[in-house]
Amino acid sequence: MDKLLFYEIDKTYIDYLSQFAEHMFHNAKNTQTFSRKYIGILFEINSIKYFAPLSSFKQKHKRLSETIDFIKIGDMAVINLNNMIPVPDSVCKLKDPATEKNIQYKTLLNNEIRIIRKKTELIIQNAIAVYNHKLSNDGKSKLSQRCNDFKLLEEKYKVWIKQ
């Protein structure tokens, strides 16, 4: 995987994995009209594909600085690497902005992917660093506390693959 692309993750897998990830947003709360789309980027860590979801840019993000696990995609989105999850190929669907009918959303996706591609090296380096930090400092640091339990999620990912 030499360039990062957008992917959407199957809702069934998100529902399954969210049982084991306290930092993972569920697809939709009972009060929401629309389900949350899991659109983000894929990369590999230790031969496992990891998905880092994009989150909408919020007012609070303007005052925050980028950190090892928090990357701004202009003023359009953010990537919280602490929320990345392992994903099998079977649940990943390429999200091609060219097929998007909503012109505004298509433009947004194209602008986001352009910035993401410029930051590819930083994103992957930081993702590996966050992953390694979590494994070596589980619960001992603030970063580790806000990360998903990558080892547990990898175990659940393997269970999913066997099904």
N, C-alpha and C. Protein backbone atom coordinates (compact mmCIF):
# COMPACT_ATOMS: atom_id res chain seq x y z
N MET A 1 0.84 -1.19 0.00
CA MET A 1 0.00 0.00 0.00
C MET A 1 0.88 1.25 0.00
N ASP A 2 1.09 1.81 -1.18
CA ASP A 2 1.97 2.96 -1.23
C ASP A 2 1.25 4.29 -1.14
N LYS A 3 -0.04 4.32 -1.48
CA LYS A 3 -0.76 5.58 -1.29
C LYS A 3 -2.05 5.30 -0.53
N LEU A 4 -2.41 6.25 0.30
CA LEU A 4 -3.60 6.08 1.13
C LEU A 4 -4.83 6.45 0.33
N LEU A 5 -5.85 5.62 0.46
CA LEU A 5 -7.14 5.84 -0.19
C LEU A 5 -8.23 5.78 0.87
N PHE A 6 -9.41 6.25 0.51
CA PHE A 6 -10.54 6.17 1.43
C PHE A 6 -11.21 4.80 1.33
N TYR A 7 -11.62 4.32 2.47
CA TYR A 7 -12.38 3.08 2.54
C TYR A 7 -13.55 3.28 3.49
N GLU A 8 -14.60 2.52 3.25
CA GLU A 8 -15.74 2.47 4.17
C GLU A 8 -15.76 1.07 4.75
N ILE A 9 -16.03 0.97 6.04
CA ILE A 9 -16.01 -0.32 6.74
C ILE A 9 -17.44 -0.78 6.97
N ASP A 10 -17.66 -2.06 6.74
CA ASP A 10 -18.97 -2.66 6.88
C ASP A 10 -19.53 -2.45 8.29
N LYS A 11 -20.79 -2.03 8.36
CA LYS A 11 -21.47 -1.74 9.64
C LYS A 11 -21.48 -2.94 10.57
N THR A 12 -21.65 -4.13 10.03
CA THR A 12 -21.71 -5.34 10.87
C THR A 12 -20.40 -5.55 11.63
N TYR A 13 -19.28 -5.30 10.95
CA TYR A 13 -17.97 -5.45 11.60
C TYR A 13 -17.77 -4.37 12.67
N ILE A 14 -18.21 -3.15 12.37
CA ILE A 14 -18.10 -2.06 13.36
C ILE A 14 -18.93 -2.40 14.59
N ASP A 15 -20.15 -2.89 14.38
CA ASP A 15 -21.01 -3.29 15.50
C ASP A 15 -20.34 -4.38 16.33
N TYR A 16 -19.74 -5.35 15.66
CA TYR A 16 -19.04 -6.45 16.34
C TYR A 16 -17.86 -5.92 17.16
N LEU A 17 -16.98 -5.16 16.51
CA LEU A 17 -15.75 -4.72 17.17
C LEU A 17 -16.01 -3.68 18.26
N SER A 18 -17.07 -2.89 18.11
CA SER A 18 -17.33 -1.84 19.10
C SER A 18 -17.65 -2.40 20.49
N GLN A 19 -18.02 -3.67 20.56
CA GLN A 19 -18.24 -4.31 21.87
C GLN A 19 -16.96 -4.38 22.70
N PHE A 20 -15.82 -4.34 22.02
CA PHE A 20 -14.53 -4.55 22.67
C PHE A 20 -13.65 -3.30 22.67
N ALA A 21 -14.20 -2.19 22.20
CA ALA A 21 -13.40 -0.97 22.08
C ALA A 21 -14.15 0.21 22.66
N GLU A 22 -13.78 0.58 23.87
CA GLU A 22 -14.49 1.68 24.54
C GLU A 22 -14.30 3.02 23.84
N HIS A 23 -13.22 3.18 23.08
CA HIS A 23 -12.96 4.45 22.41
C HIS A 23 -13.54 4.49 21.00
N MET A 24 -14.19 3.42 20.60
CA MET A 24 -14.71 3.33 19.25
C MET A 24 -16.15 3.84 19.22
N PHE A 25 -16.41 4.75 18.29
CA PHE A 25 -17.76 5.27 18.15
C PHE A 25 -18.63 4.22 17.50
N HIS A 26 -19.81 4.04 18.02
CA HIS A 26 -20.75 3.10 17.42
C HIS A 26 -21.36 3.77 16.20
N ASN A 27 -21.87 2.98 15.28
CA ASN A 27 -22.40 3.53 14.03
C ASN A 27 -23.51 4.55 14.24
N ALA A 28 -24.41 4.31 15.17
CA ALA A 28 -25.49 5.27 15.40
C ALA A 28 -26.04 5.08 16.80
N LYS A 29 -26.33 6.21 17.42
CA LYS A 29 -27.01 6.16 18.71
C LYS A 29 -28.51 6.13 18.44
N ASN A 30 -29.27 5.72 19.42
CA ASN A 30 -30.73 5.62 19.24
C ASN A 30 -31.36 6.94 18.82
N THR A 31 -30.77 8.06 19.21
CA THR A 31 -31.34 9.37 18.92
C THR A 31 -30.93 9.91 17.55
N GLN A 32 -29.99 9.25 16.86
CA GLN A 32 -29.52 9.73 15.58
C GLN A 32 -30.43 9.27 14.44
N THR A 33 -30.61 10.16 13.48
CA THR A 33 -31.40 9.82 12.30
C THR A 33 -30.58 9.01 11.31
N PHE A 34 -29.32 9.40 11.12
CA PHE A 34 -28.46 8.73 10.15
C PHE A 34 -27.36 7.98 10.88
N SER A 35 -26.95 6.86 10.30
CA SER A 35 -25.85 6.11 10.90
C SER A 35 -24.54 6.78 10.52
N ARG A 36 -23.56 6.61 11.38
CA ARG A 36 -22.23 7.17 11.16
C ARG A 36 -21.53 6.33 10.10
N LYS A 37 -21.02 6.97 9.09
CA LYS A 37 -20.25 6.28 8.06
C LYS A 37 -18.82 6.11 8.57
N TYR A 38 -18.30 4.94 8.44
CA TYR A 38 -16.91 4.70 8.83
C TYR A 38 -16.04 4.84 7.60
N ILE A 39 -15.66 6.08 7.31
CA ILE A 39 -14.78 6.37 6.19
C ILE A 39 -13.43 6.77 6.76
N GLY A 40 -12.39 6.20 6.19
CA GLY A 40 -11.05 6.50 6.67
C GLY A 40 -10.02 5.92 5.73
N ILE A 41 -8.84 5.72 6.27
CA ILE A 41 -7.71 5.25 5.48
C ILE A 41 -7.20 3.92 6.01
N LEU A 42 -6.57 3.17 5.13
CA LEU A 42 -5.99 1.86 5.47
C LEU A 42 -4.48 1.91 5.33
N PHE A 43 -3.81 1.21 6.24
CA PHE A 43 -2.36 1.02 6.17
C PHE A 43 -2.05 -0.24 6.95
N GLU A 44 -0.83 -0.73 6.86
CA GLU A 44 -0.47 -1.98 7.55
C GLU A 44 0.46 -1.73 8.73
N ILE A 45 0.20 -2.49 9.79
CA ILE A 45 1.09 -2.55 10.94
C ILE A 45 1.27 -4.02 11.25
N ASN A 46 2.50 -4.50 11.23
CA ASN A 46 2.81 -5.91 11.50
C ASN A 46 1.96 -6.86 10.65
N SER A 47 1.86 -6.57 9.37
CA SER A 47 1.14 -7.40 8.39
C SER A 47 -0.37 -7.48 8.61
N ILE A 48 -0.91 -6.58 9.41
CA ILE A 48 -2.36 -6.50 9.62
C ILE A 48 -2.81 -5.13 9.11
N LYS A 49 -3.89 -5.14 8.33
CA LYS A 49 -4.43 -3.86 7.86
C LYS A 49 -5.13 -3.16 9.02
N TYR A 50 -4.80 -1.91 9.16
CA TYR A 50 -5.44 -1.07 10.17
C TYR A 50 -6.19 0.05 9.47
N PHE A 51 -7.33 0.39 10.03
CA PHE A 51 -8.20 1.43 9.52
C PHE A 51 -8.22 2.56 10.54
N ALA A 52 -7.96 3.77 10.06
CA ALA A 52 -8.04 4.97 10.91
C ALA A 52 -9.19 5.82 10.39
N PRO A 53 -10.26 5.93 11.18
CA PRO A 53 -11.43 6.69 10.72
C PRO A 53 -11.20 8.19 10.72
N LEU A 54 -11.84 8.85 9.77
CA LEU A 54 -11.85 10.30 9.76
C LEU A 54 -13.00 10.77 10.65
N SER A 55 -12.77 11.85 11.33
CA SER A 55 -13.84 12.50 12.11
C SER A 55 -14.02 13.89 11.55
N SER A 56 -15.24 14.36 11.60
CA SER A 56 -15.53 15.72 11.13
C SER A 56 -14.77 16.73 11.97
N PHE A 57 -14.32 17.79 11.31
CA PHE A 57 -13.61 18.87 12.00
C PHE A 57 -14.62 19.66 12.82
N LYS A 58 -14.27 19.88 14.06
CA LYS A 58 -15.15 20.62 14.97
C LYS A 58 -14.44 21.91 15.42
N GLN A 59 -15.21 22.82 15.94
CA GLN A 59 -14.68 24.10 16.40
C GLN A 59 -13.52 23.90 17.38
N LYS A 60 -13.64 22.93 18.28
CA LYS A 60 -12.60 22.69 19.29
C LYS A 60 -11.27 22.29 18.65
N HIS A 61 -11.29 21.72 17.46
CA HIS A 61 -10.07 21.28 16.80
C HIS A 61 -9.19 22.45 16.37
N LYS A 62 -9.79 23.62 16.18
CA LYS A 62 -9.02 24.80 15.77
C LYS A 62 -7.96 25.15 16.80
N ARG A 63 -8.27 24.99 18.07
CA ARG A 63 -7.33 25.39 19.12
C ARG A 63 -6.36 24.27 19.51
N LEU A 64 -6.61 23.06 19.02
CA LEU A 64 -5.75 21.93 19.37
C LEU A 64 -4.57 21.83 18.40
N SER A 65 -3.44 21.46 18.94
CA SER A 65 -2.26 21.22 18.10
C SER A 65 -2.22 19.76 17.72
N GLU A 66 -1.59 19.48 16.59
CA GLU A 66 -1.41 18.09 16.20
C GLU A 66 -0.49 17.41 17.20
N THR A 67 -0.78 16.14 17.45
CA THR A 67 0.06 15.31 18.32
C THR A 67 0.33 14.01 17.60
N ILE A 68 1.00 13.11 18.26
CA ILE A 68 1.34 11.84 17.63
C ILE A 68 0.09 11.06 17.20
N ASP A 69 -1.01 11.22 17.94
CA ASP A 69 -2.23 10.47 17.61
C ASP A 69 -3.37 11.34 17.05
N PHE A 70 -3.12 12.61 16.87
CA PHE A 70 -4.15 13.55 16.40
C PHE A 70 -3.60 14.33 15.21
N ILE A 71 -4.15 14.07 14.03
CA ILE A 71 -3.67 14.71 12.81
C ILE A 71 -4.81 15.47 12.15
N LYS A 72 -4.56 16.74 11.88
CA LYS A 72 -5.57 17.57 11.22
C LYS A 72 -5.47 17.41 9.70
N ILE A 73 -6.62 17.31 9.09
CA ILE A 73 -6.71 17.28 7.63
C ILE A 73 -7.30 18.63 7.23
N GLY A 74 -6.43 19.62 7.20
CA GLY A 74 -6.86 21.00 6.99
C GLY A 74 -7.85 21.38 8.07
N ASP A 75 -8.92 22.06 7.68
CA ASP A 75 -10.00 22.37 8.61
C ASP A 75 -11.26 21.61 8.20
N MET A 76 -11.03 20.40 7.64
CA MET A 76 -12.14 19.59 7.13
C MET A 76 -12.38 18.33 7.95
N ALA A 77 -11.30 17.75 8.49
CA ALA A 77 -11.41 16.48 9.21
C ALA A 77 -10.21 16.31 10.11
N VAL A 78 -10.28 15.30 10.95
CA VAL A 78 -9.14 14.90 11.78
C VAL A 78 -9.04 13.38 11.75
N ILE A 79 -7.84 12.91 12.01
CA ILE A 79 -7.61 11.48 12.17
C ILE A 79 -7.10 11.27 13.59
N ASN A 80 -7.83 10.48 14.36
CA ASN A 80 -7.41 10.12 15.71
C ASN A 80 -6.82 8.71 15.64
N LEU A 81 -5.51 8.62 15.57
CA LEU A 81 -4.85 7.32 15.42
C LEU A 81 -5.06 6.42 16.62
N ASN A 82 -5.39 7.00 17.77
CA ASN A 82 -5.68 6.18 18.95
C ASN A 82 -6.95 5.34 18.74
N ASN A 83 -7.78 5.72 17.76
CA ASN A 83 -9.03 5.01 17.47
C ASN A 83 -8.90 4.03 16.31
N MET A 84 -7.68 3.80 15.82
CA MET A 84 -7.54 2.89 14.68
C MET A 84 -7.90 1.46 15.10
N ILE A 85 -8.33 0.67 14.10
CA ILE A 85 -8.78 -0.70 14.36
C ILE A 85 -8.25 -1.64 13.28
N PRO A 86 -7.98 -2.90 13.64
CA PRO A 86 -7.59 -3.88 12.62
C PRO A 86 -8.81 -4.28 11.80
N VAL A 87 -8.64 -4.44 10.49
CA VAL A 87 -9.76 -4.78 9.63
C VAL A 87 -9.37 -5.84 8.59
N PRO A 88 -10.23 -6.85 8.40
CA PRO A 88 -10.00 -7.81 7.32
C PRO A 88 -10.45 -7.21 5.98
N ASP A 89 -9.85 -7.69 4.90
CA ASP A 89 -10.21 -7.20 3.56
C ASP A 89 -11.71 -7.31 3.28
N SER A 90 -12.32 -8.36 3.82
CA SER A 90 -13.74 -8.64 3.51
C SER A 90 -14.70 -7.55 3.96
N VAL A 91 -14.29 -6.67 4.88
CA VAL A 91 -15.19 -5.63 5.39
C VAL A 91 -14.85 -4.24 4.84
N CYS A 92 -13.84 -4.17 3.98
CA CYS A 92 -13.38 -2.89 3.45
C CYS A 92 -13.91 -2.67 2.04
N LYS A 93 -14.49 -1.51 1.83
CA LYS A 93 -14.99 -1.16 0.50
C LYS A 93 -14.35 0.17 0.10
N LEU A 94 -13.69 0.18 -1.03
CA LEU A 94 -13.06 1.39 -1.52
C LEU A 94 -14.11 2.49 -1.70
N LYS A 95 -13.82 3.67 -1.20
CA LYS A 95 -14.73 4.82 -1.34
C LYS A 95 -14.11 5.76 -2.37
N ASP A 96 -14.61 5.68 -3.58
CA ASP A 96 -14.08 6.48 -4.68
C ASP A 96 -14.85 7.79 -4.75
N PRO A 97 -14.19 8.91 -4.46
CA PRO A 97 -14.89 10.20 -4.52
C PRO A 97 -15.52 10.48 -5.88
N ALA A 98 -14.94 9.93 -6.95
CA ALA A 98 -15.46 10.18 -8.30
C ALA A 98 -16.88 9.67 -8.49
N THR A 99 -17.28 8.68 -7.69
CA THR A 99 -18.63 8.12 -7.83
C THR A 99 -19.66 8.82 -6.95
N GLU A 100 -19.21 9.77 -6.17
CA GLU A 100 -20.10 10.48 -5.26
C GLU A 100 -21.00 11.44 -6.05
N LYS A 101 -22.30 11.33 -5.82
CA LYS A 101 -23.27 12.17 -6.53
C LYS A 101 -23.39 13.57 -5.94
N ASN A 102 -23.23 13.68 -4.63
CA ASN A 102 -23.30 14.98 -3.96
C ASN A 102 -22.00 15.74 -4.24
N ILE A 103 -22.09 16.80 -5.04
CA ILE A 103 -20.91 17.55 -5.48
C ILE A 103 -20.13 18.13 -4.30
N GLN A 104 -20.84 18.64 -3.31
CA GLN A 104 -20.18 19.22 -2.14
C GLN A 104 -19.37 18.16 -1.40
N TYR A 105 -19.97 16.99 -1.19
CA TYR A 105 -19.29 15.90 -0.49
C TYR A 105 -18.12 15.37 -1.32
N LYS A 106 -18.31 15.28 -2.61
CA LYS A 106 -17.25 14.83 -3.53
C LYS A 106 -16.04 15.77 -3.44
N THR A 107 -16.30 17.07 -3.44
CA THR A 107 -15.23 18.06 -3.33
C THR A 107 -14.52 17.93 -1.99
N LEU A 108 -15.30 17.76 -0.92
CA LEU A 108 -14.71 17.58 0.41
C LEU A 108 -13.78 16.36 0.43
N LEU A 109 -14.27 15.22 -0.07
CA LEU A 109 -13.44 14.00 -0.08
C LEU A 109 -12.17 14.20 -0.90
N ASN A 110 -12.28 14.84 -2.05
CA ASN A 110 -11.10 15.09 -2.88
C ASN A 110 -10.09 16.00 -2.18
N ASN A 111 -10.57 17.02 -1.51
CA ASN A 111 -9.69 17.93 -0.76
C ASN A 111 -9.03 17.20 0.40
N GLU A 112 -9.79 16.38 1.11
CA GLU A 112 -9.23 15.63 2.23
C GLU A 112 -8.16 14.65 1.77
N ILE A 113 -8.43 13.90 0.71
CA ILE A 113 -7.47 12.90 0.26
C ILE A 113 -6.19 13.56 -0.25
N ARG A 114 -6.30 14.74 -0.83
CA ARG A 114 -5.11 15.46 -1.29
C ARG A 114 -4.19 15.79 -0.10
N ILE A 115 -4.77 16.25 1.00
CA ILE A 115 -3.97 16.57 2.20
C ILE A 115 -3.43 15.28 2.83
N ILE A 116 -4.25 14.26 2.89
CA ILE A 116 -3.83 12.98 3.48
C ILE A 116 -2.63 12.43 2.71
N ARG A 117 -2.66 12.51 1.41
CA ARG A 117 -1.53 12.00 0.60
C ARG A 117 -0.25 12.77 0.89
N LYS A 118 -0.37 14.07 1.13
CA LYS A 118 0.81 14.87 1.47
C LYS A 118 1.36 14.46 2.84
N LYS A 119 0.48 13.97 3.71
CA LYS A 119 0.88 13.60 5.07
C LYS A 119 1.03 12.09 5.26
N THR A 120 1.08 11.33 4.16
CA THR A 120 1.13 9.87 4.25
C THR A 120 2.23 9.36 5.16
N GLU A 121 3.44 9.84 4.94
CA GLU A 121 4.58 9.36 5.73
C GLU A 121 4.38 9.66 7.22
N LEU A 122 3.95 10.86 7.52
CA LEU A 122 3.69 11.25 8.92
C LEU A 122 2.61 10.37 9.53
N ILE A 123 1.52 10.14 8.81
CA ILE A 123 0.41 9.34 9.33
C ILE A 123 0.87 7.92 9.65
N ILE A 124 1.58 7.30 8.73
CA ILE A 124 2.02 5.92 8.94
C ILE A 124 3.06 5.84 10.06
N GLN A 125 4.02 6.74 10.08
CA GLN A 125 5.01 6.76 11.16
C GLN A 125 4.34 6.93 12.52
N ASN A 126 3.40 7.87 12.59
CA ASN A 126 2.70 8.11 13.86
C ASN A 126 1.83 6.92 14.25
N ALA A 127 1.18 6.29 13.29
CA ALA A 127 0.34 5.13 13.59
C ALA A 127 1.18 4.01 14.19
N ILE A 128 2.33 3.74 13.63
CA ILE A 128 3.22 2.70 14.16
C ILE A 128 3.71 3.08 15.55
N ALA A 129 4.04 4.34 15.74
CA ALA A 129 4.50 4.81 17.05
C ALA A 129 3.40 4.69 18.11
N VAL A 130 2.17 5.06 17.75
CA VAL A 130 1.03 4.96 18.67
C VAL A 130 0.79 3.49 19.03
N TYR A 131 0.80 2.63 18.04
CA TYR A 131 0.61 1.18 18.24
C TYR A 131 1.68 0.64 19.20
N ASN A 132 2.93 0.94 18.92
CA ASN A 132 4.03 0.44 19.77
C ASN A 132 3.96 1.02 21.18
N HIS A 133 3.59 2.27 21.27
CA HIS A 133 3.46 2.90 22.59
C HIS A 133 2.38 2.20 23.42
N LYS A 134 1.24 1.93 22.79
CA LYS A 134 0.15 1.26 23.50
C LYS A 134 0.59 -0.11 24.00
N LEU A 135 1.30 -0.86 23.16
CA LEU A 135 1.74 -2.20 23.55
C LEU A 135 2.76 -2.18 24.67
N SER A 136 3.59 -1.15 24.72
CA SER A 136 4.63 -1.12 25.75
C SER A 136 4.26 -0.32 26.99
N ASN A 137 3.18 0.46 26.93
CA ASN A 137 2.79 1.32 28.06
C ASN A 137 1.33 1.16 28.43
N ASP A 138 0.77 0.01 28.22
CA ASP A 138 -0.68 -0.19 28.39
C ASP A 138 -1.17 0.36 29.72
N GLY A 139 -1.93 1.44 29.64
CA GLY A 139 -2.55 2.04 30.82
C GLY A 139 -1.64 2.91 31.66
N LYS A 140 -0.37 3.02 31.28
CA LYS A 140 0.58 3.77 32.11
C LYS A 140 0.76 5.21 31.67
N SER A 141 0.22 5.58 30.54
CA SER A 141 0.36 6.95 30.06
C SER A 141 -1.01 7.45 29.58
N LYS A 142 -1.13 8.75 29.45
CA LYS A 142 -2.39 9.32 28.96
C LYS A 142 -2.67 8.85 27.54
N LEU A 143 -1.64 8.81 26.69
CA LEU A 143 -1.82 8.33 25.33
C LEU A 143 -2.31 6.89 25.34
N SER A 144 -1.68 6.06 26.10
CA SER A 144 -2.06 4.65 26.18
C SER A 144 -3.50 4.49 26.67
N GLN A 145 -3.92 5.34 27.60
CA GLN A 145 -5.27 5.25 28.15
C GLN A 145 -6.35 5.63 27.14
N ARG A 146 -6.02 6.50 26.20
CA ARG A 146 -7.04 6.90 25.23
C ARG A 146 -7.01 6.05 23.95
N CYS A 147 -6.10 5.10 23.89
CA CYS A 147 -6.01 4.22 22.72
C CYS A 147 -6.92 3.01 22.85
N ASN A 148 -7.38 2.52 21.70
CA ASN A 148 -8.03 1.23 21.68
C ASN A 148 -7.03 0.18 22.13
N ASP A 149 -7.53 -0.94 22.62
CA ASP A 149 -6.67 -2.06 23.01
C ASP A 149 -6.36 -2.85 21.74
N PHE A 150 -5.26 -2.50 21.08
CA PHE A 150 -4.94 -3.07 19.78
C PHE A 150 -4.77 -4.59 19.83
N LYS A 151 -4.16 -5.10 20.87
CA LYS A 151 -3.96 -6.56 20.98
C LYS A 151 -5.30 -7.28 21.11
N LEU A 152 -6.19 -6.78 21.95
CA LEU A 152 -7.51 -7.38 22.10
C LEU A 152 -8.27 -7.31 20.77
N LEU A 153 -8.22 -6.16 20.10
CA LEU A 153 -8.92 -6.01 18.83
C LEU A 153 -8.34 -6.93 17.76
N GLU A 154 -7.04 -7.17 17.81
CA GLU A 154 -6.44 -8.11 16.87
C GLU A 154 -6.93 -9.54 17.13
N GLU A 155 -7.11 -9.88 18.40
CA GLU A 155 -7.66 -11.21 18.73
C GLU A 155 -9.09 -11.33 18.19
N LYS A 156 -9.90 -10.29 18.38
CA LYS A 156 -11.29 -10.32 17.90
C LYS A 156 -11.35 -10.29 16.37
N TYR A 157 -10.41 -9.60 15.76
CA TYR A 157 -10.27 -9.58 14.31
C TYR A 157 -10.02 -10.99 13.79
N LYS A 158 -9.14 -11.74 14.47
CA LYS A 158 -8.84 -13.12 14.06
C LYS A 158 -10.06 -14.02 14.23
N VAL A 159 -10.83 -13.80 15.28
CA VAL A 159 -12.07 -14.56 15.48
C VAL A 159 -13.03 -14.30 14.32
N TRP A 160 -13.16 -13.03 13.93
CA TRP A 160 -14.04 -12.64 12.82
C TRP A 160 -13.63 -13.36 11.54
N ILE A 161 -12.33 -13.37 11.27
CA ILE A 161 -11.82 -13.99 10.04
C ILE A 161 -12.15 -15.49 9.99
N LYS A 162 -12.09 -16.15 11.13
CA LYS A 162 -12.36 -17.59 11.18
C LYS A 162 -13.83 -17.92 10.97
N GLN A 163 -14.72 -16.97 11.23
CA GLN A 163 -16.16 -17.22 11.09
C GLN A 163 -16.60 -17.35 9.65
